[in-house]
Amino acid sequence: GDGALDGVRIADYGTRRRFSRHWHEEVLLQLK
């Protein structure tokens, strides 16, 4: 929502504490 954030870079580090394997994949695909 903010053009000033165009350079921000995040990564998913959530394997070990994920709610479930299927939810993890859904989150990743939505982020992608």
PDB file of all heavy atoms in Angstrom:
ATOM      1  N   GLY A   1       0.778  -1.235   0.000  1.00  0.00           N
ATOM      2  CA  GLY A   1       0.000   0.000   0.000  1.00  0.00           C
ATOM      3  C   GLY A   1       0.803   1.275   0.000  1.00  0.00           C
ATOM      4  O   GLY A   1       0.228   2.369  -0.018  1.00  0.00           O
ATOM      5  N   ASP A   2       2.130   1.168   0.022  1.00  0.00           N
ATOM      6  CA  ASP A   2       2.973   2.364   0.102  1.00  0.00           C
ATOM      7  C   ASP A   2       4.124   2.205  -0.872  1.00  0.00           C
ATOM      8  O   ASP A   2       4.949   1.294  -0.737  1.00  0.00           O
ATOM      9  CB  ASP A   2       3.495   2.523   1.538  1.00  0.00           C
ATOM     10  CG  ASP A   2       4.268   3.815   1.745  1.00  0.00           C
ATOM     11  OD1 ASP A   2       4.634   4.457   0.744  1.00  0.00           O
ATOM     12  OD2 ASP A   2       4.529   4.166   2.905  1.00  0.00           O
ATOM     13  N   GLY A   3       4.192   3.103  -1.846  1.00  0.00           N
ATOM     14  CA  GLY A   3       5.261   3.034  -2.834  1.00  0.00           C
ATOM     15  C   GLY A   3       6.645   3.166  -2.227  1.00  0.00           C
ATOM     16  O   GLY A   3       7.641   2.714  -2.820  1.00  0.00           O
ATOM     17  N   ALA A   4       6.735   3.765  -1.039  1.00  0.00           N
ATOM     18  CA  ALA A   4       8.028   3.905  -0.376  1.00  0.00           C
ATOM     19  C   ALA A   4       8.563   2.562   0.116  1.00  0.00           C
ATOM     20  O   ALA A   4       9.720   2.478   0.542  1.00  0.00           O
ATOM     21  CB  ALA A   4       7.906   4.870   0.799  1.00  0.00           C
ATOM     22  N   LEU A   5       7.727   1.510   0.053  1.00  0.00           N
ATOM     23  CA  LEU A   5       8.153   0.187   0.495  1.00  0.00           C
ATOM     24  C   LEU A   5       8.518  -0.729  -0.671  1.00  0.00           C
ATOM     25  O   LEU A   5       8.654  -1.937  -0.495  1.00  0.00           O
ATOM     26  CB  LEU A   5       7.041  -0.473   1.328  1.00  0.00           C
ATOM     27  CG  LEU A   5       6.614   0.265   2.600  1.00  0.00           C
ATOM     28  CD1 LEU A   5       5.451  -0.467   3.260  1.00  0.00           C
ATOM     29  CD2 LEU A   5       7.780   0.400   3.570  1.00  0.00           C
ATOM     30  N   ASP A   6       8.689  -0.158  -1.856  1.00  0.00           N
ATOM     31  CA  ASP A   6       8.959  -0.988  -3.032  1.00  0.00           C
ATOM     32  C   ASP A   6      10.235  -1.813  -2.878  1.00  0.00           C
ATOM     33  O   ASP A   6      10.370  -2.878  -3.481  1.00  0.00           O
ATOM     34  CB  ASP A   6       9.058  -0.122  -4.289  1.00  0.00           C
ATOM     35  CG  ASP A   6       7.702   0.359  -4.774  1.00  0.00           C
ATOM     36  OD1 ASP A   6       6.684  -0.155  -4.259  1.00  0.00           O
ATOM     37  OD2 ASP A   6       7.652   1.247  -5.644  1.00  0.00           O
ATOM     38  N   GLY A   7      11.176  -1.346  -2.067  1.00  0.00           N
ATOM     39  CA  GLY A   7      12.433  -2.068  -1.918  1.00  0.00           C
ATOM     40  C   GLY A   7      12.467  -3.085  -0.799  1.00  0.00           C
ATOM     41  O   GLY A   7      13.485  -3.769  -0.615  1.00  0.00           O
ATOM     42  N   VAL A   8      11.384  -3.208  -0.063  1.00  0.00           N
ATOM     43  CA  VAL A   8      11.388  -4.143   1.059  1.00  0.00           C
ATOM     44  C   VAL A   8      11.384  -5.575   0.541  1.00  0.00           C
ATOM     45  O   VAL A   8      10.773  -5.881  -0.485  1.00  0.00           O
ATOM     46  CB  VAL A   8      10.174  -3.894   1.990  1.00  0.00           C
ATOM     47  CG1 VAL A   8       8.878  -4.375   1.366  1.00  0.00           C
ATOM     48  CG2 VAL A   8      10.385  -4.560   3.345  1.00  0.00           C
ATOM     49  N   ARG A   9      12.105  -6.462   1.247  1.00  0.00           N
ATOM     50  CA  ARG A   9      12.186  -7.866   0.859  1.00  0.00           C
ATOM     51  C   ARG A   9      11.954  -8.736   2.092  1.00  0.00           C
ATOM     52  O   ARG A   9      12.696  -8.651   3.073  1.00  0.00           O
ATOM     53  CB  ARG A   9      13.558  -8.198   0.260  1.00  0.00           C
ATOM     54  CG  ARG A   9      13.881  -7.449  -1.028  1.00  0.00           C
ATOM     55  CD  ARG A   9      13.031  -7.943  -2.187  1.00  0.00           C
ATOM     56  NE  ARG A   9      13.348  -7.246  -3.435  1.00  0.00           N
ATOM     57  CZ  ARG A   9      12.755  -6.144  -3.852  1.00  0.00           C
ATOM     58  NH1 ARG A   9      11.792  -5.582  -3.120  1.00  0.00           N
ATOM     59  NH2 ARG A   9      13.094  -5.584  -5.002  1.00  0.00           N
ATOM     60  N   ILE A  10      10.916  -9.570   2.045  1.00  0.00           N
ATOM     61  CA  ILE A  10      10.665 -10.500   3.139  1.00  0.00           C
ATOM     62  C   ILE A  10      10.821 -11.931   2.638  1.00  0.00           C
ATOM     63  O   ILE A  10      10.746 -12.201   1.430  1.00  0.00           O
ATOM     64  CB  ILE A  10       9.272 -10.317   3.774  1.00  0.00           C
ATOM     65  CG1 ILE A  10       8.170 -10.812   2.816  1.00  0.00           C
ATOM     66  CG2 ILE A  10       9.046  -8.877   4.190  1.00  0.00           C
ATOM     67  CD1 ILE A  10       6.820 -10.988   3.503  1.00  0.00           C
ATOM     68  N   ALA A  11      11.052 -12.833   3.570  1.00  0.00           N
ATOM     69  CA  ALA A  11      11.128 -14.259   3.255  1.00  0.00           C
ATOM     70  C   ALA A  11      10.339 -15.039   4.287  1.00  0.00           C
ATOM     71  O   ALA A  11      10.204 -14.610   5.437  1.00  0.00           O
ATOM     72  CB  ALA A  11      12.584 -14.724   3.239  1.00  0.00           C
ATOM     73  N   ASP A  12       9.815 -16.176   3.877  1.00  0.00           N
ATOM     74  CA  ASP A  12       9.109 -17.078   4.791  1.00  0.00           C
ATOM     75  C   ASP A  12      10.125 -17.905   5.562  1.00  0.00           C
ATOM     76  O   ASP A  12      10.927 -18.626   4.967  1.00  0.00           O
ATOM     77  CB  ASP A  12       8.179 -17.997   3.995  1.00  0.00           C
ATOM     78  CG  ASP A  12       7.898 -19.301   4.742  1.00  0.00           C
ATOM     79  OD1 ASP A  12       7.502 -19.219   5.916  1.00  0.00           O
ATOM     80  OD2 ASP A  12       8.109 -20.385   4.151  1.00  0.00           O
ATOM     81  N   TYR A  13      10.085 -17.795   6.891  1.00  0.00           N
ATOM     82  CA  TYR A  13      10.930 -18.602   7.781  1.00  0.00           C
ATOM     83  C   TYR A  13      10.059 -19.445   8.709  1.00  0.00           C
ATOM     84  O   TYR A  13      10.465 -19.768   9.823  1.00  0.00           O
ATOM     85  CB  TYR A  13      11.808 -17.693   8.642  1.00  0.00           C
ATOM     86  CG  TYR A  13      13.088 -17.181   8.010  1.00  0.00           C
ATOM     87  CD1 TYR A  13      13.286 -17.181   6.640  1.00  0.00           C
ATOM     88  CD2 TYR A  13      14.109 -16.673   8.803  1.00  0.00           C
ATOM     89  CE1 TYR A  13      14.450 -16.692   6.077  1.00  0.00           C
ATOM     90  CE2 TYR A  13      15.285 -16.187   8.251  1.00  0.00           C
ATOM     91  CZ  TYR A  13      15.451 -16.195   6.889  1.00  0.00           C
ATOM     92  OH  TYR A  13      16.623 -15.704   6.350  1.00  0.00           O
ATOM     93  N   GLY A  14       8.871 -19.843   8.269  1.00  0.00           N
ATOM     94  CA  GLY A  14       7.884 -20.363   9.208  1.00  0.00           C
ATOM     95  C   GLY A  14       7.658 -21.850   9.261  1.00  0.00           C
ATOM     96  O   GLY A  14       6.631 -22.291   9.786  1.00  0.00           O
ATOM     97  N   THR A  15       8.588 -22.679   8.775  1.00  0.00           N
ATOM     98  CA  THR A  15       8.334 -24.118   8.717  1.00  0.00           C
ATOM     99  C   THR A  15       8.121 -24.729  10.091  1.00  0.00           C
ATOM    100  O   THR A  15       7.160 -25.460  10.339  1.00  0.00           O
ATOM    101  CB  THR A  15       9.488 -24.840   8.009  1.00  0.00           C
ATOM    102  OG1 THR A  15       9.635 -24.309   6.686  1.00  0.00           O
ATOM    103  CG2 THR A  15       9.233 -26.337   7.932  1.00  0.00           C
ATOM    104  N   ARG A  16       8.996 -24.443  11.031  1.00  0.00           N
ATOM    105  CA  ARG A  16       9.015 -25.180  12.301  1.00  0.00           C
ATOM    106  C   ARG A  16       7.824 -24.882  13.199  1.00  0.00           C
ATOM    107  O   ARG A  16       7.465 -25.701  14.041  1.00  0.00           O
ATOM    108  CB  ARG A  16      10.325 -24.900  13.046  1.00  0.00           C
ATOM    109  CG  ARG A  16      10.469 -23.468  13.521  1.00  0.00           C
ATOM    110  CD  ARG A  16      11.877 -23.175  13.998  1.00  0.00           C
ATOM    111  NE  ARG A  16      12.841 -23.403  12.930  1.00  0.00           N
ATOM    112  CZ  ARG A  16      14.075 -23.859  13.122  1.00  0.00           C
ATOM    113  NH1 ARG A  16      14.485 -24.127  14.337  1.00  0.00           N
ATOM    114  NH2 ARG A  16      14.884 -24.027  12.112  1.00  0.00           N
ATOM    115  N   ARG A  17       7.205 -23.722  13.042  1.00  0.00           N
ATOM    116  CA  ARG A  17       6.085 -23.366  13.924  1.00  0.00           C
ATOM    117  C   ARG A  17       4.799 -23.115  13.147  1.00  0.00           C
ATOM    118  O   ARG A  17       3.910 -22.408  13.608  1.00  0.00           O
ATOM    119  CB  ARG A  17       6.453 -22.135  14.772  1.00  0.00           C
ATOM    120  CG  ARG A  17       7.589 -22.412  15.746  1.00  0.00           C
ATOM    121  CD  ARG A  17       7.990 -21.166  16.503  1.00  0.00           C
ATOM    122  NE  ARG A  17       9.161 -21.413  17.339  1.00  0.00           N
ATOM    123  CZ  ARG A  17       9.898 -20.462  17.878  1.00  0.00           C
ATOM    124  NH1 ARG A  17       9.584 -19.197  17.686  1.00  0.00           N
ATOM    125  NH2 ARG A  17      10.954 -20.755  18.617  1.00  0.00           N
ATOM    126  N   ARG A  18       4.685 -23.721  11.999  1.00  0.00           N
ATOM    127  CA  ARG A  18       3.492 -23.508  11.175  1.00  0.00           C
ATOM    128  C   ARG A  18       2.267 -24.176  11.789  1.00  0.00           C
ATOM    129  O   ARG A  18       2.369 -25.165  12.522  1.00  0.00           O
ATOM    130  CB  ARG A  18       3.736 -24.055   9.772  1.00  0.00           C
ATOM    131  CG  ARG A  18       3.941 -25.552   9.696  1.00  0.00           C
ATOM    132  CD  ARG A  18       4.517 -25.983   8.355  1.00  0.00           C
ATOM    133  NE  ARG A  18       4.679 -27.437   8.271  1.00  0.00           N
ATOM    134  CZ  ARG A  18       5.373 -28.047   7.326  1.00  0.00           C
ATOM    135  NH1 ARG A  18       5.973 -27.343   6.371  1.00  0.00           N
ATOM    136  NH2 ARG A  18       5.468 -29.362   7.303  1.00  0.00           N
ATOM    137  N   PHE A  19       1.109 -23.646  11.458  1.00  0.00           N
ATOM    138  CA  PHE A  19      -0.141 -24.226  11.940  1.00  0.00           C
ATOM    139  C   PHE A  19      -0.332 -25.625  11.354  1.00  0.00           C
ATOM    140  O   PHE A  19      -0.720 -26.563  12.046  1.00  0.00           O
ATOM    141  CB  PHE A  19      -1.309 -23.319  11.559  1.00  0.00           C
ATOM    142  CG  PHE A  19      -2.624 -23.766  12.123  1.00  0.00           C
ATOM    143  CD1 PHE A  19      -2.962 -23.485  13.444  1.00  0.00           C
ATOM    144  CD2 PHE A  19      -3.527 -24.481  11.350  1.00  0.00           C
ATOM    145  CE1 PHE A  19      -4.172 -23.910  13.973  1.00  0.00           C
ATOM    146  CE2 PHE A  19      -4.738 -24.908  11.866  1.00  0.00           C
ATOM    147  CZ  PHE A  19      -5.064 -24.619  13.186  1.00  0.00           C
ATOM    148  N   SER A  20      -0.070 -25.749  10.067  1.00  0.00           N
ATOM    149  CA  SER A  20      -0.127 -27.051   9.410  1.00  0.00           C
ATOM    150  C   SER A  20       0.620 -26.947   8.087  1.00  0.00           C
ATOM    151  O   SER A  20       0.878 -25.853   7.581  1.00  0.00           O
ATOM    152  CB  SER A  20      -1.570 -27.496   9.153  1.00  0.00           C
ATOM    153  OG  SER A  20      -2.160 -26.708   8.124  1.00  0.00           O
ATOM    154  N   ARG A  21       0.954 -28.099   7.532  1.00  0.00           N
ATOM    155  CA  ARG A  21       1.649 -28.129   6.247  1.00  0.00           C
ATOM    156  C   ARG A  21       0.805 -27.499   5.152  1.00  0.00           C
ATOM    157  O   ARG A  21       1.307 -26.724   4.326  1.00  0.00           O
ATOM    158  CB  ARG A  21       1.993 -29.580   5.889  1.00  0.00           C
ATOM    159  CG  ARG A  21       2.615 -29.751   4.513  1.00  0.00           C
ATOM    160  CD  ARG A  21       3.274 -31.126   4.393  1.00  0.00           C
ATOM    161  NE  ARG A  21       2.353 -32.208   4.703  1.00  0.00           N
ATOM    162  CZ  ARG A  21       1.622 -32.869   3.812  1.00  0.00           C
ATOM    163  NH1 ARG A  21       1.679 -32.546   2.535  1.00  0.00           N
ATOM    164  NH2 ARG A  21       0.834 -33.860   4.179  1.00  0.00           N
ATOM    165  N   HIS A  22      -0.482 -27.793   5.121  1.00  0.00           N
ATOM    166  CA  HIS A  22      -1.339 -27.271   4.056  1.00  0.00           C
ATOM    167  C   HIS A  22      -1.532 -25.768   4.187  1.00  0.00           C
ATOM    168  O   HIS A  22      -1.555 -25.038   3.176  1.00  0.00           O
ATOM    169  CB  HIS A  22      -2.682 -28.004   4.062  1.00  0.00           C
ATOM    170  CG  HIS A  22      -2.573 -29.462   3.761  1.00  0.00           C
ATOM    171  ND1 HIS A  22      -2.122 -29.934   2.537  1.00  0.00           N
ATOM    172  CD2 HIS A  22      -2.830 -30.567   4.515  1.00  0.00           C
ATOM    173  CE1 HIS A  22      -2.112 -31.260   2.552  1.00  0.00           C
ATOM    174  NE2 HIS A  22      -2.531 -31.664   3.733  1.00  0.00           N
ATOM    175  N   TRP A  23      -1.657 -25.282   5.416  1.00  0.00           N
ATOM    176  CA  TRP A  23      -1.796 -23.834   5.611  1.00  0.00           C
ATOM    177  C   TRP A  23      -0.508 -23.109   5.209  1.00  0.00           C
ATOM    178  O   TRP A  23      -0.551 -22.042   4.599  1.00  0.00           O
ATOM    179  CB  TRP A  23      -2.167 -23.533   7.050  1.00  0.00           C
ATOM    180  CG  TRP A  23      -2.274 -22.067   7.349  1.00  0.00           C
ATOM    181  CD1 TRP A  23      -1.497 -21.331   8.193  1.00  0.00           C
ATOM    182  CD2 TRP A  23      -3.225 -21.147   6.794  1.00  0.00           C
ATOM    183  NE1 TRP A  23      -1.891 -20.013   8.193  1.00  0.00           N
ATOM    184  CE2 TRP A  23      -2.956 -19.872   7.347  1.00  0.00           C
ATOM    185  CE3 TRP A  23      -4.273 -21.279   5.887  1.00  0.00           C
ATOM    186  CZ2 TRP A  23      -3.693 -18.748   7.022  1.00  0.00           C
ATOM    187  CZ3 TRP A  23      -5.019 -20.146   5.556  1.00  0.00           C
ATOM    188  CH2 TRP A  23      -4.722 -18.903   6.116  1.00  0.00           C
ATOM    189  N   HIS A  24       0.620 -23.705   5.518  1.00  0.00           N
ATOM    190  CA  HIS A  24       1.912 -23.137   5.127  1.00  0.00           C
ATOM    191  C   HIS A  24       1.966 -22.933   3.614  1.00  0.00           C
ATOM    192  O   HIS A  24       2.341 -21.860   3.120  1.00  0.00           O
ATOM    193  CB  HIS A  24       3.029 -24.082   5.587  1.00  0.00           C
ATOM    194  CG  HIS A  24       4.416 -23.540   5.396  1.00  0.00           C
ATOM    195  ND1 HIS A  24       5.542 -24.282   5.671  1.00  0.00           N
ATOM    196  CD2 HIS A  24       4.881 -22.341   4.947  1.00  0.00           C
ATOM    197  CE1 HIS A  24       6.623 -23.561   5.426  1.00  0.00           C
ATOM    198  NE2 HIS A  24       6.251 -22.392   4.971  1.00  0.00           N
ATOM    199  N   GLU A  25       1.560 -23.949   2.873  1.00  0.00           N
ATOM    200  CA  GLU A  25       1.614 -23.844   1.412  1.00  0.00           C
ATOM    201  C   GLU A  25       0.640 -22.787   0.908  1.00  0.00           C
ATOM    202  O   GLU A  25       0.974 -22.009  -0.005  1.00  0.00           O
ATOM    203  CB  GLU A  25       1.309 -25.194   0.768  1.00  0.00           C
ATOM    204  CG  GLU A  25       1.449 -25.165  -0.754  1.00  0.00           C
ATOM    205  CD  GLU A  25       1.312 -26.533  -1.378  1.00  0.00           C
ATOM    206  OE1 GLU A  25       0.633 -27.402  -0.777  1.00  0.00           O
ATOM    207  OE2 GLU A  25       1.868 -26.746  -2.464  1.00  0.00           O
ATOM    208  N   GLU A  26      -0.558 -22.735   1.485  1.00  0.00           N
ATOM    209  CA  GLU A  26      -1.520 -21.719   1.053  1.00  0.00           C
ATOM    210  C   GLU A  26      -0.968 -20.314   1.279  1.00  0.00           C
ATOM    211  O   GLU A  26      -1.095 -19.438   0.408  1.00  0.00           O
ATOM    212  CB  GLU A  26      -2.847 -21.890   1.797  1.00  0.00           C
ATOM    213  CG  GLU A  26      -3.888 -20.839   1.389  1.00  0.00           C
ATOM    214  CD  GLU A  26      -5.246 -21.034   2.023  1.00  0.00           C
ATOM    215  OE1 GLU A  26      -5.569 -22.171   2.440  1.00  0.00           O
ATOM    216  OE2 GLU A  26      -5.997 -20.035   2.102  1.00  0.00           O
ATOM    217  N   VAL A  27      -0.359 -20.093   2.440  1.00  0.00           N
ATOM    218  CA  VAL A  27       0.220 -18.786   2.742  1.00  0.00           C
ATOM    219  C   VAL A  27       1.305 -18.432   1.727  1.00  0.00           C
ATOM    220  O   VAL A  27       1.340 -17.315   1.191  1.00  0.00           O
ATOM    221  CB  VAL A  27       0.781 -18.764   4.177  1.00  0.00           C
ATOM    222  CG1 VAL A  27       1.657 -17.531   4.405  1.00  0.00           C
ATOM    223  CG2 VAL A  27      -0.349 -18.804   5.193  1.00  0.00           C
ATOM    224  N   LEU A  28       2.184 -19.375   1.463  1.00  0.00           N
ATOM    225  CA  LEU A  28       3.280 -19.115   0.528  1.00  0.00           C
ATOM    226  C   LEU A  28       2.771 -18.770  -0.867  1.00  0.00           C
ATOM    227  O   LEU A  28       3.267 -17.839  -1.522  1.00  0.00           O
ATOM    228  CB  LEU A  28       4.191 -20.343   0.447  1.00  0.00           C
ATOM    229  CG  LEU A  28       5.449 -20.332   1.314  1.00  0.00           C
ATOM    230  CD1 LEU A  28       6.222 -21.624   1.124  1.00  0.00           C
ATOM    231  CD2 LEU A  28       6.335 -19.147   0.965  1.00  0.00           C
ATOM    232  N   LEU A  29       1.794 -19.518  -1.337  1.00  0.00           N
ATOM    233  CA  LEU A  29       1.271 -19.265  -2.676  1.00  0.00           C
ATOM    234  C   LEU A  29       0.585 -17.910  -2.752  1.00  0.00           C
ATOM    235  O   LEU A  29       0.678 -17.210  -3.772  1.00  0.00           O
ATOM    236  CB  LEU A  29       0.313 -20.387  -3.083  1.00  0.00           C
ATOM    237  CG  LEU A  29       0.980 -21.745  -3.334  1.00  0.00           C
ATOM    238  CD1 LEU A  29      -0.061 -22.817  -3.612  1.00  0.00           C
ATOM    239  CD2 LEU A  29       1.972 -21.657  -4.494  1.00  0.00           C
ATOM    240  N   GLN A  30      -0.106 -17.518  -1.694  1.00  0.00           N
ATOM    241  CA  GLN A  30      -0.741 -16.210  -1.684  1.00  0.00           C
ATOM    242  C   GLN A  30       0.297 -15.093  -1.656  1.00  0.00           C
ATOM    243  O   GLN A  30       0.166 -14.077  -2.351  1.00  0.00           O
ATOM    244  CB  GLN A  30      -1.671 -16.080  -0.481  1.00  0.00           C
ATOM    245  CG  GLN A  30      -2.493 -14.798  -0.460  1.00  0.00           C
ATOM    246  CD  GLN A  30      -3.395 -14.661  -1.677  1.00  0.00           C
ATOM    247  OE1 GLN A  30      -4.161 -15.568  -1.990  1.00  0.00           O
ATOM    248  NE2 GLN A  30      -3.296 -13.549  -2.383  1.00  0.00           N
ATOM    249  N   LEU A  31       1.342 -15.282  -0.873  1.00  0.00           N
ATOM    250  CA  LEU A  31       2.424 -14.293  -0.839  1.00  0.00           C
ATOM    251  C   LEU A  31       3.096 -14.173  -2.199  1.00  0.00           C
ATOM    252  O   LEU A  31       3.382 -13.062  -2.683  1.00  0.00           O
ATOM    253  CB  LEU A  31       3.461 -14.679   0.218  1.00  0.00           C
ATOM    254  CG  LEU A  31       3.025 -14.601   1.682  1.00  0.00           C
ATOM    255  CD1 LEU A  31       4.108 -15.197   2.580  1.00  0.00           C
ATOM    256  CD2 LEU A  31       2.717 -13.166   2.097  1.00  0.00           C
ATOM    257  N   LYS A  32       3.344 -15.299  -2.831  1.00  0.00           N
ATOM    258  CA  LYS A  32       3.995 -15.282  -4.141  1.00  0.00           C
ATOM    259  C   LYS A  32       3.135 -14.567  -5.175  1.00  0.00           C
ATOM    260  O   LYS A  32       3.637 -13.772  -5.992  1.00  0.00           O
ATOM    261  CB  LYS A  32       4.281 -16.714  -4.597  1.00  0.00           C
ATOM    262  CG  LYS A  32       5.001 -16.790  -5.945  1.00  0.00           C
ATOM    263  CD  LYS A  32       5.201 -18.230  -6.394  1.00  0.00           C
ATOM    264  CE  LYS A  32       5.915 -18.262  -7.744  1.00  0.00           C
ATOM    265  NZ  LYS A  32       6.013 -19.640  -8.286  1.00  0.00           N
TER     266      LYS A  32
END
